[in-house]
N, C-alpha and C. Protein backbone atom coordinates (compact mmCIF):
# COMPACT_ATOMS: atom_id res chain seq x y z
N MET A 1 5.83 6.14 -0.44
CA MET A 1 4.53 5.76 0.10
C MET A 1 3.45 6.46 -0.73
N LYS A 2 2.43 5.68 -1.07
CA LYS A 2 1.35 6.23 -1.88
C LYS A 2 -0.01 5.83 -1.31
N CYS A 3 -0.98 6.70 -1.51
CA CYS A 3 -2.35 6.42 -1.11
C CYS A 3 -2.87 5.22 -1.89
N ASN A 4 -3.52 4.31 -1.21
CA ASN A 4 -4.07 3.12 -1.85
C ASN A 4 -5.18 3.48 -2.83
N LYS A 5 -5.95 4.51 -2.55
CA LYS A 5 -7.11 4.86 -3.37
C LYS A 5 -6.74 5.65 -4.62
N CYS A 6 -5.96 6.73 -4.47
CA CYS A 6 -5.70 7.61 -5.61
C CYS A 6 -4.25 7.59 -6.09
N GLY A 7 -3.35 6.98 -5.33
CA GLY A 7 -1.96 6.89 -5.74
C GLY A 7 -1.13 8.12 -5.46
N THR A 8 -1.68 9.09 -4.74
CA THR A 8 -0.94 10.30 -4.40
C THR A 8 0.21 9.98 -3.45
N PRO A 9 1.42 10.47 -3.76
CA PRO A 9 2.54 10.25 -2.83
C PRO A 9 2.26 10.89 -1.48
N VAL A 10 2.57 10.15 -0.42
CA VAL A 10 2.38 10.63 0.94
C VAL A 10 3.76 10.89 1.52
N GLU A 11 4.02 12.14 1.86
CA GLU A 11 5.35 12.50 2.34
C GLU A 11 5.29 12.83 3.82
N THR A 12 5.47 11.80 4.62
CA THR A 12 5.52 11.94 6.07
C THR A 12 6.34 10.79 6.63
N ASP A 13 6.93 11.00 7.78
CA ASP A 13 7.75 9.96 8.38
C ASP A 13 6.92 8.91 9.09
N LYS A 14 5.80 9.33 9.66
CA LYS A 14 4.97 8.42 10.44
C LYS A 14 3.50 8.69 10.16
N ILE A 15 2.72 7.63 10.01
CA ILE A 15 1.28 7.73 9.78
C ILE A 15 0.58 7.52 11.11
N SER A 16 -0.25 8.47 11.51
CA SER A 16 -1.01 8.32 12.75
C SER A 16 -2.36 7.68 12.44
N PHE A 17 -3.08 7.32 13.47
CA PHE A 17 -4.36 6.64 13.32
C PHE A 17 -5.39 7.48 12.54
N ARG A 18 -5.28 8.78 12.58
CA ARG A 18 -6.29 9.65 11.97
C ARG A 18 -5.83 10.37 10.70
N ASP A 19 -4.65 10.05 10.18
CA ASP A 19 -4.14 10.72 8.98
C ASP A 19 -4.97 10.36 7.75
N GLU A 20 -5.11 11.35 6.87
CA GLU A 20 -5.86 11.18 5.63
C GLU A 20 -5.00 11.60 4.45
N CYS A 21 -5.34 11.11 3.26
CA CYS A 21 -4.68 11.53 2.03
C CYS A 21 -5.03 13.00 1.79
N PRO A 22 -4.04 13.83 1.44
CA PRO A 22 -4.32 15.25 1.22
C PRO A 22 -5.18 15.51 -0.01
N VAL A 23 -5.27 14.56 -0.93
CA VAL A 23 -6.03 14.76 -2.16
C VAL A 23 -7.44 14.17 -2.08
N CYS A 24 -7.56 12.86 -1.79
CA CYS A 24 -8.88 12.21 -1.82
C CYS A 24 -9.48 12.04 -0.42
N HIS A 25 -8.74 12.37 0.62
CA HIS A 25 -9.19 12.29 2.01
C HIS A 25 -9.51 10.87 2.48
N GLN A 26 -8.93 9.89 1.81
CA GLN A 26 -9.05 8.49 2.24
C GLN A 26 -8.19 8.31 3.49
N ASP A 27 -8.66 7.52 4.45
CA ASP A 27 -7.86 7.19 5.62
C ASP A 27 -6.56 6.52 5.15
N LEU A 28 -5.45 6.81 5.79
CA LEU A 28 -4.17 6.20 5.43
C LEU A 28 -3.78 5.04 6.33
N HIS A 29 -4.22 5.07 7.57
CA HIS A 29 -3.87 3.99 8.52
C HIS A 29 -4.89 2.87 8.35
N ILE A 30 -4.81 2.20 7.19
CA ILE A 30 -5.75 1.13 6.84
C ILE A 30 -4.97 -0.13 6.44
N CYS A 31 -5.62 -1.26 6.53
CA CYS A 31 -4.98 -2.52 6.18
C CYS A 31 -4.45 -2.52 4.74
N LEU A 32 -5.20 -1.92 3.82
CA LEU A 32 -4.81 -1.93 2.41
C LEU A 32 -3.50 -1.17 2.17
N ASN A 33 -3.09 -0.31 3.09
CA ASN A 33 -1.83 0.42 2.97
C ASN A 33 -0.72 -0.21 3.81
N CYS A 34 -0.98 -1.35 4.41
CA CYS A 34 -0.02 -1.94 5.34
C CYS A 34 0.85 -3.01 4.66
N ILE A 35 2.10 -3.05 5.06
CA ILE A 35 3.04 -4.03 4.51
C ILE A 35 2.64 -5.47 4.88
N PHE A 36 1.90 -5.64 5.96
CA PHE A 36 1.49 -6.98 6.41
C PHE A 36 0.20 -7.47 5.74
N TYR A 37 -0.49 -6.63 4.98
CA TYR A 37 -1.75 -7.02 4.34
C TYR A 37 -1.49 -8.11 3.30
N ASP A 38 -2.21 -9.23 3.44
CA ASP A 38 -2.04 -10.37 2.54
C ASP A 38 -3.33 -11.17 2.54
N THR A 39 -4.07 -11.15 1.45
CA THR A 39 -5.37 -11.83 1.39
C THR A 39 -5.24 -13.35 1.51
N GLY A 40 -4.05 -13.88 1.32
CA GLY A 40 -3.84 -15.32 1.42
C GLY A 40 -3.64 -15.80 2.85
N LYS A 41 -3.56 -14.91 3.79
CA LYS A 41 -3.32 -15.26 5.19
C LYS A 41 -4.59 -15.13 6.03
N SER A 42 -4.54 -15.72 7.20
CA SER A 42 -5.64 -15.61 8.14
C SER A 42 -5.88 -14.14 8.47
N ASN A 43 -7.11 -13.72 8.46
CA ASN A 43 -7.49 -12.32 8.72
C ASN A 43 -6.88 -11.35 7.72
N SER A 44 -6.36 -11.85 6.61
CA SER A 44 -5.70 -11.04 5.57
C SER A 44 -4.50 -10.28 6.12
N CYS A 45 -3.79 -10.91 7.06
CA CYS A 45 -2.67 -10.23 7.70
C CYS A 45 -1.54 -11.23 7.99
N ARG A 46 -0.30 -10.85 7.63
CA ARG A 46 0.86 -11.71 7.91
C ARG A 46 1.35 -11.59 9.34
N GLU A 47 0.83 -10.62 10.09
CA GLU A 47 1.22 -10.45 11.49
C GLU A 47 0.27 -11.30 12.35
N ASP A 48 0.79 -12.38 12.93
CA ASP A 48 -0.03 -13.33 13.70
C ASP A 48 -0.67 -12.71 14.94
N LYS A 49 -0.02 -11.74 15.54
CA LYS A 49 -0.51 -11.17 16.79
C LYS A 49 -1.54 -10.04 16.60
N ALA A 50 -1.72 -9.60 15.36
CA ALA A 50 -2.66 -8.50 15.10
C ALA A 50 -4.10 -8.95 15.32
N GLU A 51 -4.89 -8.05 15.86
CA GLU A 51 -6.31 -8.33 16.06
C GLU A 51 -7.05 -8.27 14.73
N PHE A 52 -8.18 -8.96 14.64
CA PHE A 52 -8.98 -8.97 13.42
C PHE A 52 -9.55 -7.58 13.14
N VAL A 53 -9.43 -7.16 11.89
CA VAL A 53 -10.00 -5.89 11.43
C VAL A 53 -11.00 -6.23 10.34
N LYS A 54 -12.26 -5.91 10.57
CA LYS A 54 -13.31 -6.26 9.62
C LYS A 54 -13.24 -5.43 8.34
N GLU A 55 -13.15 -4.11 8.48
CA GLU A 55 -13.17 -3.22 7.33
C GLU A 55 -11.73 -2.82 6.98
N LYS A 56 -11.16 -3.47 5.99
CA LYS A 56 -9.76 -3.28 5.62
C LYS A 56 -9.48 -1.92 4.98
N ASP A 57 -10.53 -1.24 4.52
CA ASP A 57 -10.35 0.05 3.85
C ASP A 57 -10.71 1.24 4.74
N ARG A 58 -10.87 1.01 6.04
CA ARG A 58 -11.21 2.08 6.99
C ARG A 58 -10.13 2.18 8.05
N ALA A 59 -10.00 3.36 8.64
CA ALA A 59 -8.99 3.58 9.67
C ALA A 59 -9.16 2.59 10.81
N ASN A 60 -8.03 2.14 11.36
CA ASN A 60 -8.07 1.21 12.49
C ASN A 60 -6.94 1.56 13.45
N PHE A 61 -6.91 0.89 14.56
CA PHE A 61 -5.93 1.17 15.60
C PHE A 61 -4.90 0.06 15.75
N CYS A 62 -4.61 -0.64 14.67
CA CYS A 62 -3.64 -1.73 14.71
C CYS A 62 -2.25 -1.19 15.04
N GLU A 63 -1.62 -1.77 16.05
CA GLU A 63 -0.31 -1.33 16.50
C GLU A 63 0.82 -1.84 15.59
N TYR A 64 0.52 -2.82 14.73
CA TYR A 64 1.54 -3.41 13.87
C TYR A 64 1.62 -2.74 12.50
N PHE A 65 0.79 -1.75 12.25
CA PHE A 65 0.73 -1.08 10.96
C PHE A 65 2.09 -0.53 10.54
N ARG A 66 2.49 -0.86 9.32
CA ARG A 66 3.69 -0.30 8.68
C ARG A 66 3.30 0.04 7.25
N PHE A 67 3.46 1.30 6.87
CA PHE A 67 3.06 1.74 5.53
C PHE A 67 3.91 1.02 4.48
N THR A 68 3.25 0.48 3.48
CA THR A 68 3.94 -0.25 2.42
C THR A 68 4.52 0.71 1.38
N GLU A 69 5.60 0.29 0.78
CA GLU A 69 6.21 1.06 -0.31
C GLU A 69 5.68 0.47 -1.62
N ARG A 70 5.01 1.29 -2.39
CA ARG A 70 4.46 0.83 -3.67
C ARG A 70 5.28 1.38 -4.81
N LYS A 71 5.55 0.53 -5.78
CA LYS A 71 6.23 0.98 -6.99
C LYS A 71 5.20 1.64 -7.89
N ALA A 72 5.64 2.58 -8.69
CA ALA A 72 4.74 3.21 -9.66
C ALA A 72 4.28 2.16 -10.66
N GLN A 73 3.00 2.14 -10.94
CA GLN A 73 2.46 1.17 -11.88
C GLN A 73 2.75 1.62 -13.30
N SER A 74 3.16 0.69 -14.13
CA SER A 74 3.42 1.00 -15.52
C SER A 74 2.49 0.17 -16.40
N SER A 75 2.30 0.63 -17.62
CA SER A 75 1.40 -0.07 -18.53
C SER A 75 2.11 -1.28 -19.12
N ALA A 76 1.33 -2.15 -19.73
CA ALA A 76 1.89 -3.35 -20.37
C ALA A 76 2.83 -2.94 -21.50
N LYS A 77 2.49 -1.87 -22.21
CA LYS A 77 3.33 -1.40 -23.31
C LYS A 77 4.69 -0.94 -22.78
N GLU A 78 4.69 -0.19 -21.69
CA GLU A 78 5.95 0.27 -21.10
C GLU A 78 6.79 -0.90 -20.62
N ASP A 79 6.14 -1.90 -20.03
CA ASP A 79 6.86 -3.10 -19.58
C ASP A 79 7.50 -3.82 -20.75
N ALA A 80 6.76 -3.96 -21.84
CA ALA A 80 7.28 -4.64 -23.03
C ALA A 80 8.45 -3.88 -23.63
N GLU A 81 8.35 -2.55 -23.71
CA GLU A 81 9.44 -1.74 -24.25
C GLU A 81 10.70 -1.86 -23.38
N THR A 82 10.51 -1.87 -22.09
CA THR A 82 11.65 -2.01 -21.17
C THR A 82 12.33 -3.36 -21.37
N ARG A 83 11.55 -4.41 -21.44
CA ARG A 83 12.12 -5.75 -21.65
C ARG A 83 12.85 -5.84 -22.99
N TRP A 84 12.26 -5.23 -24.02
CA TRP A 84 12.86 -5.25 -25.37
C TRP A 84 14.22 -4.56 -25.32
N LYS A 85 14.29 -3.40 -24.68
CA LYS A 85 15.56 -2.66 -24.59
C LYS A 85 16.60 -3.44 -23.80
N GLU A 86 16.18 -4.11 -22.74
CA GLU A 86 17.11 -4.90 -21.94
C GLU A 86 17.64 -6.10 -22.73
N LEU A 87 16.78 -6.66 -23.55
CA LEU A 87 17.15 -7.83 -24.34
C LEU A 87 18.20 -7.48 -25.40
N PHE A 88 18.04 -6.31 -26.02
CA PHE A 88 18.92 -5.92 -27.12
C PHE A 88 19.87 -4.78 -26.75
N LYS A 89 20.40 -4.80 -25.54
CA LYS A 89 21.39 -3.80 -25.13
C LYS A 89 22.65 -3.96 -25.96
N ASN A 90 23.34 -2.86 -26.17
CA ASN A 90 24.61 -2.92 -26.89
C ASN A 90 25.75 -3.04 -25.93
């Protein structure tokens, strides 16, 4: 689990409504950190029963919140090198 704003790993089992990132102090219980967040869906949420949240980057009291697992972002160069190595494995 990583902070949406700064990418700092968050090491806790459960995120409460008032938890903040230890580095940038961004709220963690926000839509942008939720596994159900999807801009292509109604209210930007895949959970049909969730109430509308206007400010997706601010703490909210949504009961359906589940912290998303984010993969570490890599550069285009690293991606290309990985693909090249996979292509020419011995």
